[in-house]
Amino acid sequence: MPVLRAEETIAEQLRDGLSRKMIVNNTLMTVVVDFTDGPWEQPEPPHSHPHEQTCYVAEGELIFICEGEEDQHLKKGDMFSVLPDKKHTVQLLTRFVRLVDNFTPLRQDFLK
């Protein structure tokens, strides 16, 4: 069974204030996303992808915005899901937010 230990895994820096760590098997990936540049006055631009997604809010608070749904104020311990091809985004309400995302099928765009 593959194991990634937090203290031994180097996060991939995507931009200032945004990093991620991933564990991947044949059909499922889990991605830990750390935002350190909140709070934001505006949400990020919406995006979509052909993957099913679930997300657990491990730290912080945010507004989750999903096409066709009411905006949701979420905090540590809350979860959300996104159906394939639905436009969605977040707006950070706290300085630090940690999300734990799960995707199926694999996000090939995340893999090197």
C-alpha atoms as a PDB file:
ATOM      1  CA  MET A   1       0.000   0.000   0.000  1.00  0.00           C
ATOM      2  CA  PRO A   2       1.544   3.343  -1.031  1.00  0.00           C
ATOM      3  CA  VAL A   3       2.041   5.823   1.784  1.00  0.00           C
ATOM      4  CA  LEU A   4       2.963   9.505   1.615  1.00  0.00           C
ATOM      5  CA  ARG A   5       4.176  10.943   4.904  1.00  0.00           C
ATOM      6  CA  ALA A   6       3.415  14.647   5.258  1.00  0.00           C
ATOM      7  CA  GLU A   7       6.829  15.572   6.619  1.00  0.00           C
ATOM      8  CA  GLU A   8       8.596  13.677   3.813  1.00  0.00           C
ATOM      9  CA  THR A   9       6.513  14.944   0.886  1.00  0.00           C
ATOM     10  CA  ILE A  10       7.420  18.194  -0.833  1.00  0.00           C
ATOM     11  CA  ALA A  11       4.423  20.262  -1.896  1.00  0.00           C
ATOM     12  CA  GLU A  12       4.171  21.401  -5.501  1.00  0.00           C
ATOM     13  CA  GLN A  13       4.052  25.210  -5.615  1.00  0.00           C
ATOM     14  CA  LEU A  14       1.448  26.238  -8.180  1.00  0.00           C
ATOM     15  CA  ARG A  15       1.719  29.980  -7.506  1.00  0.00           C
ATOM     16  CA  ASP A  16       2.410  32.265  -4.556  1.00  0.00           C
ATOM     17  CA  GLY A  17      -0.065  31.256  -1.870  1.00  0.00           C
ATOM     18  CA  LEU A  18      -1.110  27.937  -3.457  1.00  0.00           C
ATOM     19  CA  SER A  19       0.467  24.489  -3.140  1.00  0.00           C
ATOM     20  CA  ARG A  20      -0.654  20.867  -3.394  1.00  0.00           C
ATOM     21  CA  LYS A  21       0.320  17.310  -2.532  1.00  0.00           C
ATOM     22  CA  MET A  22      -1.220  14.271  -4.216  1.00  0.00           C
ATOM     23  CA  ILE A  23      -1.589  10.536  -3.859  1.00  0.00           C
ATOM     24  CA  VAL A  24      -2.774   8.613  -6.908  1.00  0.00           C
ATOM     25  CA  ASN A  25      -3.804   5.055  -7.720  1.00  0.00           C
ATOM     26  CA  ASN A  26      -5.291   3.576 -10.904  1.00  0.00           C
ATOM     27  CA  THR A  27      -8.649   5.395 -10.897  1.00  0.00           C
ATOM     28  CA  LEU A  28      -8.718   7.814  -7.961  1.00  0.00           C
ATOM     29  CA  MET A  29      -6.604  10.705  -6.760  1.00  0.00           C
ATOM     30  CA  THR A  30      -6.585  12.662  -3.528  1.00  0.00           C
ATOM     31  CA  VAL A  31      -5.163  16.165  -3.596  1.00  0.00           C
ATOM     32  CA  VAL A  32      -4.368  18.269  -0.517  1.00  0.00           C
ATOM     33  CA  VAL A  33      -4.547  21.930  -1.504  1.00  0.00           C
ATOM     34  CA  ASP A  34      -3.154  24.661   0.762  1.00  0.00           C
ATOM     35  CA  PHE A  35      -4.073  28.306   0.221  1.00  0.00           C
ATOM     36  CA  THR A  36      -2.057  30.789   2.293  1.00  0.00           C
ATOM     37  CA  ASP A  37      -3.045  34.088   0.652  1.00  0.00           C
ATOM     38  CA  GLY A  38      -6.561  34.724   1.965  1.00  0.00           C
ATOM     39  CA  PRO A  39      -8.880  36.273   2.633  1.00  0.00           C
ATOM     40  CA  TRP A  40      -9.889  37.286  -0.890  1.00  0.00           C
ATOM     41  CA  GLU A  41     -12.177  40.172  -1.815  1.00  0.00           C
ATOM     42  CA  GLN A  42     -13.403  38.227  -4.865  1.00  0.00           C
ATOM     43  CA  PRO A  43     -13.644  34.545  -5.806  1.00  0.00           C
ATOM     44  CA  GLU A  44     -11.246  33.000  -8.295  1.00  0.00           C
ATOM     45  CA  PRO A  45     -12.603  32.730 -11.848  1.00  0.00           C
ATOM     46  CA  PRO A  46     -14.920  29.689 -12.198  1.00  0.00           C
ATOM     47  CA  HIS A  47     -13.558  26.555 -13.862  1.00  0.00           C
ATOM     48  CA  SER A  48     -14.906  23.156 -14.860  1.00  0.00           C
ATOM     49  CA  HIS A  49     -13.511  19.724 -15.637  1.00  0.00           C
ATOM     50  CA  PRO A  50     -14.888  16.355 -16.791  1.00  0.00           C
ATOM     51  CA  HIS A  51     -14.073  14.736 -13.425  1.00  0.00           C
ATOM     52  CA  GLU A  52     -16.288  13.966 -10.453  1.00  0.00           C
ATOM     53  CA  GLN A  53     -14.956  15.792  -7.395  1.00  0.00           C
ATOM     54  CA  THR A  54     -15.553  15.668  -3.674  1.00  0.00           C
ATOM     55  CA  CYS A  55     -13.900  18.041  -1.245  1.00  0.00           C
ATOM     56  CA  TYR A  56     -13.377  18.141   2.519  1.00  0.00           C
ATOM     57  CA  VAL A  57     -12.594  21.477   4.172  1.00  0.00           C
ATOM     58  CA  ALA A  58      -9.769  20.526   6.546  1.00  0.00           C
ATOM     59  CA  GLU A  59      -8.947  24.085   7.716  1.00  0.00           C
ATOM     60  CA  GLY A  60     -10.310  27.585   7.293  1.00  0.00           C
ATOM     61  CA  GLU A  61     -13.466  29.089   5.854  1.00  0.00           C
ATOM     62  CA  LEU A  62     -14.578  29.803   2.305  1.00  0.00           C
ATOM     63  CA  ILE A  63     -17.528  30.444   0.065  1.00  0.00           C
ATOM     64  CA  PHE A  64     -18.179  27.618  -2.399  1.00  0.00           C
ATOM     65  CA  ILE A  65     -19.809  28.746  -5.639  1.00  0.00           C
ATOM     66  CA  CYS A  66     -21.238  26.184  -8.068  1.00  0.00           C
ATOM     67  CA  GLU A  67     -23.202  26.725 -11.250  1.00  0.00           C
ATOM     68  CA  GLY A  68     -26.937  26.370 -10.636  1.00  0.00           C
ATOM     69  CA  GLU A  69     -26.547  26.151  -6.837  1.00  0.00           C
ATOM     70  CA  GLU A  70     -26.840  28.630  -3.978  1.00  0.00           C
ATOM     71  CA  ASP A  71     -23.462  29.918  -2.723  1.00  0.00           C
ATOM     72  CA  GLN A  72     -22.387  28.130   0.453  1.00  0.00           C
ATOM     73  CA  HIS A  73     -20.361  29.453   3.410  1.00  0.00           C
ATOM     74  CA  LEU A  74     -18.251  26.440   4.476  1.00  0.00           C
ATOM     75  CA  LYS A  75     -15.888  25.891   7.384  1.00  0.00           C
ATOM     76  CA  LYS A  76     -13.602  23.208   8.796  1.00  0.00           C
ATOM     77  CA  GLY A  77     -15.314  19.814   8.670  1.00  0.00           C
ATOM     78  CA  ASP A  78     -17.738  20.695   5.856  1.00  0.00           C
ATOM     79  CA  MET A  79     -17.717  18.949   2.479  1.00  0.00           C
ATOM     80  CA  PHE A  80     -18.923  19.621  -1.049  1.00  0.00           C
ATOM     81  CA  SER A  81     -19.151  17.752  -4.332  1.00  0.00           C
ATOM     82  CA  VAL A  82     -19.003  18.814  -7.965  1.00  0.00           C
ATOM     83  CA  LEU A  83     -20.509  16.951 -10.897  1.00  0.00           C
ATOM     84  CA  PRO A  84     -18.563  16.695 -14.165  1.00  0.00           C
ATOM     85  CA  ASP A  85     -18.475  19.860 -16.298  1.00  0.00           C
ATOM     86  CA  LYS A  86     -20.145  22.089 -13.657  1.00  0.00           C
ATOM     87  CA  LYS A  87     -18.508  25.507 -13.329  1.00  0.00           C
ATOM     88  CA  HIS A  88     -17.357  26.135  -9.757  1.00  0.00           C
ATOM     89  CA  THR A  89     -14.962  28.184  -7.655  1.00  0.00           C
ATOM     90  CA  VAL A  90     -14.134  29.318  -4.130  1.00  0.00           C
ATOM     91  CA  GLN A  91     -13.558  32.566  -2.285  1.00  0.00           C
ATOM     92  CA  LEU A  92     -11.316  32.376   0.786  1.00  0.00           C
ATOM     93  CA  LEU A  93     -12.611  33.990   3.958  1.00  0.00           C
ATOM     94  CA  THR A  94      -9.570  33.175   6.129  1.00  0.00           C
ATOM     95  CA  ARG A  95      -5.816  33.525   5.601  1.00  0.00           C
ATOM     96  CA  PHE A  96      -5.242  29.760   5.478  1.00  0.00           C
ATOM     97  CA  VAL A  97      -7.513  27.197   3.846  1.00  0.00           C
ATOM     98  CA  ARG A  98      -6.728  23.500   3.389  1.00  0.00           C
ATOM     99  CA  LEU A  99      -8.921  21.442   1.065  1.00  0.00           C
ATOM    100  CA  VAL A 100      -8.758  17.692   0.519  1.00  0.00           C
ATOM    101  CA  ASP A 101     -10.035  16.978  -3.007  1.00  0.00           C
ATOM    102  CA  ASN A 102     -10.818  13.589  -4.529  1.00  0.00           C
ATOM    103  CA  PHE A 103     -11.138  13.155  -8.289  1.00  0.00           C
ATOM    104  CA  THR A 104     -12.221  10.359 -10.575  1.00  0.00           C
ATOM    105  CA  PRO A 105     -11.120   9.711 -13.233  1.00  0.00           C
ATOM    106  CA  LEU A 106      -7.576  10.908 -12.651  1.00  0.00           C
ATOM    107  CA  ARG A 107      -6.791  14.550 -13.400  1.00  0.00           C
ATOM    108  CA  GLN A 108      -4.117  13.949 -16.028  1.00  0.00           C
ATOM    109  CA  ASP A 109      -3.518  17.725 -16.097  1.00  0.00           C
ATOM    110  CA  PHE A 110      -2.259  17.432 -12.480  1.00  0.00           C
ATOM    111  CA  LEU A 111       0.204  14.635 -13.286  1.00  0.00           C
ATOM    112  CA  LYS A 112       3.669  15.297 -14.658  1.00  0.00           C
END
